Amino acid sequence: MLTLFPNIHQGRRLKKDDQINGDLPFVMAGTTNTGVVRNIGNDVRVFPKHSLTIDIFGNTFYRGYEFGAGDDTGVFWNDKMKDSKVLLYLKTIIEKSLVGKYDFGSKLRASQTHNFQFDIPKINNQIDYTFMSDFIRAVEKLVIKDLVIWADKKIAATKEIVDGV
């Protein structure tokens, strides 16, 4: 069995009333602002950029920056895995496998995730990091293409209205 994330840690409890203003993004459970509740100046563990966070509800996010985390958030990283595209691919696979499994009555904790298994692309029984990275790049290009088409349609519609006046 391959271990994608040899580093799995839970954040620590930091009540809202105890948080002080600062520069470190602080991650808690939720999807608003990708779980970042505020920037703090408290003396908390700083987790490395190129990490994934998974909260008690299974919400999963890629973090391309250093951050702190509350006790309702697990942090996953591999010091050898720095490609944001690969991590975005893995984030999606993990999050999709967790959808609907956790809620207030059944919370996910980092300690429960050590034996999770996910289907990931492999070639010759090795993780295919190139496929994952290329796949995300292709998706990004398609999104940009669709955005350009949408913007062109908006511009054309605006011109039609302006020319008609």
C-alpha atoms as a PDB file:
ATOM      1  CA  MET A   1       0.000   0.000   0.000  1.00  0.00           C
ATOM      2  CA  LEU A   2       1.315   3.438  -0.960  1.00  0.00           C
ATOM      3  CA  THR A   3       1.238   6.283   1.529  1.00  0.00           C
ATOM      4  CA  LEU A   4       0.385   9.548  -0.192  1.00  0.00           C
ATOM      5  CA  PHE A   5       0.544  11.682   2.928  1.00  0.00           C
ATOM      6  CA  PRO A   6       3.065  10.593   5.558  1.00  0.00           C
ATOM      7  CA  ASN A   7       2.211  13.734   7.538  1.00  0.00           C
ATOM      8  CA  ILE A   8      -1.318  13.827   8.959  1.00  0.00           C
ATOM      9  CA  HIS A   9      -2.014  16.150  11.865  1.00  0.00           C
ATOM     10  CA  GLN A  10      -5.023  17.698  13.558  1.00  0.00           C
ATOM     11  CA  GLY A  11      -5.092  21.421  14.265  1.00  0.00           C
ATOM     12  CA  ARG A  12      -5.599  22.601  17.830  1.00  0.00           C
ATOM     13  CA  ARG A  13      -8.564  24.202  19.515  1.00  0.00           C
ATOM     14  CA  LEU A  14      -8.541  27.986  19.427  1.00  0.00           C
ATOM     15  CA  LYS A  15     -11.798  29.613  20.456  1.00  0.00           C
ATOM     16  CA  LYS A  16     -12.957  32.650  18.526  1.00  0.00           C
ATOM     17  CA  ASP A  17     -12.653  34.825  21.648  1.00  0.00           C
ATOM     18  CA  ASP A  18      -8.990  33.807  22.023  1.00  0.00           C
ATOM     19  CA  GLN A  19      -7.997  34.604  18.427  1.00  0.00           C
ATOM     20  CA  ILE A  20      -5.902  37.738  17.969  1.00  0.00           C
ATOM     21  CA  ASN A  21      -5.413  39.612  14.715  1.00  0.00           C
ATOM     22  CA  GLY A  22      -2.338  38.768  12.688  1.00  0.00           C
ATOM     23  CA  ASP A  23      -1.093  37.530   9.326  1.00  0.00           C
ATOM     24  CA  LEU A  24      -1.518  33.753   9.497  1.00  0.00           C
ATOM     25  CA  PRO A  25      -4.643  32.385   7.770  1.00  0.00           C
ATOM     26  CA  PHE A  26      -6.550  30.241  10.269  1.00  0.00           C
ATOM     27  CA  VAL A  27      -8.594  27.327   8.908  1.00  0.00           C
ATOM     28  CA  MET A  28     -11.653  25.866  10.613  1.00  0.00           C
ATOM     29  CA  ALA A  29     -14.533  23.656   9.413  1.00  0.00           C
ATOM     30  CA  GLY A  30     -16.697  25.009   6.620  1.00  0.00           C
ATOM     31  CA  THR A  31     -16.705  25.998   2.987  1.00  0.00           C
ATOM     32  CA  THR A  32     -17.069  29.778   3.267  1.00  0.00           C
ATOM     33  CA  ASN A  33     -13.770  31.355   2.201  1.00  0.00           C
ATOM     34  CA  THR A  34     -12.400  27.785   1.883  1.00  0.00           C
ATOM     35  CA  GLY A  35     -12.616  27.460   5.662  1.00  0.00           C
ATOM     36  CA  VAL A  36     -10.328  30.424   6.419  1.00  0.00           C
ATOM     37  CA  VAL A  37     -12.087  32.267   9.251  1.00  0.00           C
ATOM     38  CA  ARG A  38      -9.540  35.037   9.719  1.00  0.00           C
ATOM     39  CA  ASN A  39      -5.840  35.864   9.904  1.00  0.00           C
ATOM     40  CA  ILE A  40      -4.457  35.352  13.388  1.00  0.00           C
ATOM     41  CA  GLY A  41      -1.372  36.295  15.350  1.00  0.00           C
ATOM     42  CA  ASN A  42      -1.624  33.521  17.942  1.00  0.00           C
ATOM     43  CA  ASP A  43       1.272  31.180  18.617  1.00  0.00           C
ATOM     44  CA  VAL A  44      -0.062  28.105  16.806  1.00  0.00           C
ATOM     45  CA  ARG A  45       1.525  25.396  14.705  1.00  0.00           C
ATOM     46  CA  VAL A  46       2.191  26.689  11.199  1.00  0.00           C
ATOM     47  CA  PHE A  47       1.383  24.063   8.592  1.00  0.00           C
ATOM     48  CA  PRO A  48       3.321  24.030   5.313  1.00  0.00           C
ATOM     49  CA  LYS A  49       2.081  25.235   1.973  1.00  0.00           C
ATOM     50  CA  HIS A  50       1.217  22.491  -0.522  1.00  0.00           C
ATOM     51  CA  SER A  51      -1.022  20.775   2.023  1.00  0.00           C
ATOM     52  CA  LEU A  52      -4.575  19.508   1.921  1.00  0.00           C
ATOM     53  CA  THR A  53      -7.044  20.166   4.706  1.00  0.00           C
ATOM     54  CA  ILE A  54     -10.019  17.955   5.447  1.00  0.00           C
ATOM     55  CA  ASP A  55     -12.501  19.196   8.014  1.00  0.00           C
ATOM     56  CA  ILE A  56     -14.920  17.253  10.210  1.00  0.00           C
ATOM     57  CA  PHE A  57     -17.535  17.271   7.431  1.00  0.00           C
ATOM     58  CA  GLY A  58     -15.185  16.013   4.699  1.00  0.00           C
ATOM     59  CA  ASN A  59     -14.726  19.422   3.054  1.00  0.00           C
ATOM     60  CA  THR A  60     -11.342  19.226   1.371  1.00  0.00           C
ATOM     61  CA  PHE A  61      -9.138  22.113   0.205  1.00  0.00           C
ATOM     62  CA  TYR A  62      -5.681  22.572  -1.276  1.00  0.00           C
ATOM     63  CA  ARG A  63      -3.544  25.138   0.586  1.00  0.00           C
ATOM     64  CA  GLY A  64      -0.797  26.788  -1.453  1.00  0.00           C
ATOM     65  CA  TYR A  65       0.240  28.888   1.544  1.00  0.00           C
ATOM     66  CA  GLU A  66       1.246  28.446   5.184  1.00  0.00           C
ATOM     67  CA  PHE A  67      -1.628  28.444   7.669  1.00  0.00           C
ATOM     68  CA  GLY A  68      -2.848  27.442  11.108  1.00  0.00           C
ATOM     69  CA  ALA A  69      -5.760  25.090  11.729  1.00  0.00           C
ATOM     70  CA  GLY A  70      -8.407  24.472  14.355  1.00  0.00           C
ATOM     71  CA  ASP A  71      -9.115  21.131  15.976  1.00  0.00           C
ATOM     72  CA  ASP A  72     -11.932  20.450  13.516  1.00  0.00           C
ATOM     73  CA  THR A  73      -9.453  20.304  10.630  1.00  0.00           C
ATOM     74  CA  GLY A  74      -6.964  17.634   9.610  1.00  0.00           C
ATOM     75  CA  VAL A  75      -3.870  18.664   7.655  1.00  0.00           C
ATOM     76  CA  PHE A  76      -2.244  16.316   5.124  1.00  0.00           C
ATOM     77  CA  TRP A  77       1.067  16.813   3.366  1.00  0.00           C
ATOM     78  CA  ASN A  78       3.999  15.073   1.768  1.00  0.00           C
ATOM     79  CA  ASP A  79       7.281  17.019   1.773  1.00  0.00           C
ATOM     80  CA  LYS A  80       8.096  15.522  -1.641  1.00  0.00           C
ATOM     81  CA  MET A  81       4.767  16.503  -3.239  1.00  0.00           C
ATOM     82  CA  LYS A  82       4.852  20.182  -4.262  1.00  0.00           C
ATOM     83  CA  ASP A  83       2.960  20.171  -7.589  1.00  0.00           C
ATOM     84  CA  SER A  84      -0.250  22.138  -7.002  1.00  0.00           C
ATOM     85  CA  LYS A  85      -1.926  20.404  -9.957  1.00  0.00           C
ATOM     86  CA  VAL A  86      -1.336  16.955  -8.460  1.00  0.00           C
ATOM     87  CA  LEU A  87      -2.647  18.150  -5.112  1.00  0.00           C
ATOM     88  CA  LEU A  88      -5.752  19.646  -6.753  1.00  0.00           C
ATOM     89  CA  TYR A  89      -6.384  16.313  -8.455  1.00  0.00           C
ATOM     90  CA  LEU A  90      -5.988  14.409  -5.171  1.00  0.00           C
ATOM     91  CA  LYS A  91      -8.163  16.966  -3.347  1.00  0.00           C
ATOM     92  CA  THR A  92     -10.986  16.271  -5.763  1.00  0.00           C
ATOM     93  CA  ILE A  93     -10.683  12.486  -5.514  1.00  0.00           C
ATOM     94  CA  ILE A  94     -10.608  12.611  -1.721  1.00  0.00           C
ATOM     95  CA  GLU A  95     -13.479  15.071  -1.376  1.00  0.00           C
ATOM     96  CA  LYS A  96     -15.712  13.132  -3.782  1.00  0.00           C
ATOM     97  CA  SER A  97     -15.108   9.934  -1.829  1.00  0.00           C
ATOM     98  CA  LEU A  98     -16.143  11.646   1.424  1.00  0.00           C
ATOM     99  CA  VAL A  99     -19.295  13.450   0.208  1.00  0.00           C
ATOM    100  CA  GLY A 100     -22.298  12.747   2.413  1.00  0.00           C
ATOM    101  CA  LYS A 101     -20.456  10.505   4.866  1.00  0.00           C
ATOM    102  CA  TYR A 102     -19.857  13.040   7.656  1.00  0.00           C
ATOM    103  CA  ASP A 103     -21.988  15.601   9.511  1.00  0.00           C
ATOM    104  CA  PHE A 104     -22.553  16.972  13.020  1.00  0.00           C
ATOM    105  CA  GLY A 105     -23.599  13.509  14.242  1.00  0.00           C
ATOM    106  CA  SER A 106     -20.672  11.742  12.593  1.00  0.00           C
ATOM    107  CA  LYS A 107     -17.575  13.943  12.459  1.00  0.00           C
ATOM    108  CA  LEU A 108     -14.400  13.006  10.604  1.00  0.00           C
ATOM    109  CA  ARG A 109     -11.141  13.275  12.551  1.00  0.00           C
ATOM    110  CA  ALA A 110      -7.636  13.090  11.107  1.00  0.00           C
ATOM    111  CA  SER A 111      -6.948  10.000  13.227  1.00  0.00           C
ATOM    112  CA  GLN A 112      -9.633   8.141  11.237  1.00  0.00           C
ATOM    113  CA  THR A 113      -8.002   8.778   7.864  1.00  0.00           C
ATOM    114  CA  HIS A 114      -4.755   6.795   8.077  1.00  0.00           C
ATOM    115  CA  ASN A 115      -6.256   3.764   6.318  1.00  0.00           C
ATOM    116  CA  PHE A 116      -8.446   5.534   3.770  1.00  0.00           C
ATOM    117  CA  GLN A 117      -7.960   4.214   0.283  1.00  0.00           C
ATOM    118  CA  PHE A 118      -8.556   6.117  -2.943  1.00  0.00           C
ATOM    119  CA  ASP A 119      -8.381   5.122  -6.571  1.00  0.00           C
ATOM    120  CA  ILE A 120      -5.552   7.077  -8.124  1.00  0.00           C
ATOM    121  CA  PRO A 121      -3.972   6.763 -11.566  1.00  0.00           C
ATOM    122  CA  LYS A 122      -1.022   4.388 -11.717  1.00  0.00           C
ATOM    123  CA  ILE A 123       1.371   3.241 -14.372  1.00  0.00           C
ATOM    124  CA  ASN A 124       3.451   0.088 -13.775  1.00  0.00           C
ATOM    125  CA  ASN A 125       2.151   0.040 -10.187  1.00  0.00           C
ATOM    126  CA  GLN A 126       3.587   3.539  -9.554  1.00  0.00           C
ATOM    127  CA  ILE A 127       1.533   6.668  -8.923  1.00  0.00           C
ATOM    128  CA  ASP A 128       1.130   8.546 -12.198  1.00  0.00           C
ATOM    129  CA  TYR A 129       1.795  12.102 -11.044  1.00  0.00           C
ATOM    130  CA  THR A 130       2.212  13.269 -14.656  1.00  0.00           C
ATOM    131  CA  PHE A 131      -1.313  12.165 -15.578  1.00  0.00           C
ATOM    132  CA  MET A 132      -2.789  13.962 -12.563  1.00  0.00           C
ATOM    133  CA  SER A 133      -0.916  17.180 -13.320  1.00  0.00           C
ATOM    134  CA  ASP A 134      -1.734  17.059 -17.054  1.00  0.00           C
ATOM    135  CA  PHE A 135      -5.401  16.326 -16.331  1.00  0.00           C
ATOM    136  CA  ILE A 136      -5.783  19.405 -14.126  1.00  0.00           C
ATOM    137  CA  ARG A 137      -3.971  21.549 -16.718  1.00  0.00           C
ATOM    138  CA  ALA A 138      -6.408  20.317 -19.386  1.00  0.00           C
ATOM    139  CA  VAL A 139      -9.401  21.110 -17.162  1.00  0.00           C
ATOM    140  CA  GLU A 140      -8.036  24.614 -16.516  1.00  0.00           C
ATOM    141  CA  LYS A 141      -7.639  25.196 -20.262  1.00  0.00           C
ATOM    142  CA  LEU A 142     -11.227  24.083 -20.885  1.00  0.00           C
ATOM    143  CA  VAL A 143     -12.499  26.408 -18.169  1.00  0.00           C
ATOM    144  CA  ILE A 144     -10.554  29.329 -19.653  1.00  0.00           C
ATOM    145  CA  LYS A 145     -11.873  28.503 -23.126  1.00  0.00           C
ATOM    146  CA  ASP A 146     -15.471  28.435 -21.822  1.00  0.00           C
ATOM    147  CA  LEU A 147     -14.910  31.735 -20.009  1.00  0.00           C
ATOM    148  CA  VAL A 148     -13.624  33.378 -23.185  1.00  0.00           C
ATOM    149  CA  ILE A 149     -16.664  32.123 -25.129  1.00  0.00           C
ATOM    150  CA  TRP A 150     -18.995  33.428 -22.400  1.00  0.00           C
ATOM    151  CA  ALA A 151     -17.236  36.819 -22.322  1.00  0.00           C
ATOM    152  CA  ASP A 152     -17.402  37.101 -26.134  1.00  0.00           C
ATOM    153  CA  LYS A 153     -21.160  36.444 -26.004  1.00  0.00           C
ATOM    154  CA  LYS A 154     -21.619  39.104 -23.310  1.00  0.00           C
ATOM    155  CA  ILE A 155     -19.611  41.632 -25.349  1.00  0.00           C
ATOM    156  CA  ALA A 156     -21.603  40.830 -28.490  1.00  0.00           C
ATOM    157  CA  ALA A 157     -24.912  41.213 -26.612  1.00  0.00           C
ATOM    158  CA  THR A 158     -23.779  44.532 -25.125  1.00  0.00           C
ATOM    159  CA  LYS A 159     -22.732  45.816 -28.568  1.00  0.00           C
ATOM    160  CA  GLU A 160     -26.101  44.767 -29.991  1.00  0.00           C
ATOM    161  CA  ILE A 161     -27.925  46.722 -27.291  1.00  0.00           C
ATOM    162  CA  VAL A 162     -25.672  49.780 -27.644  1.00  0.00           C
ATOM    163  CA  ASP A 163     -25.923  49.740 -31.456  1.00  0.00           C
ATOM    164  CA  GLY A 164     -29.692  49.402 -31.253  1.00  0.00           C
ATOM    165  CA  VAL A 165     -30.104  52.521 -29.125  1.00  0.00           C
END
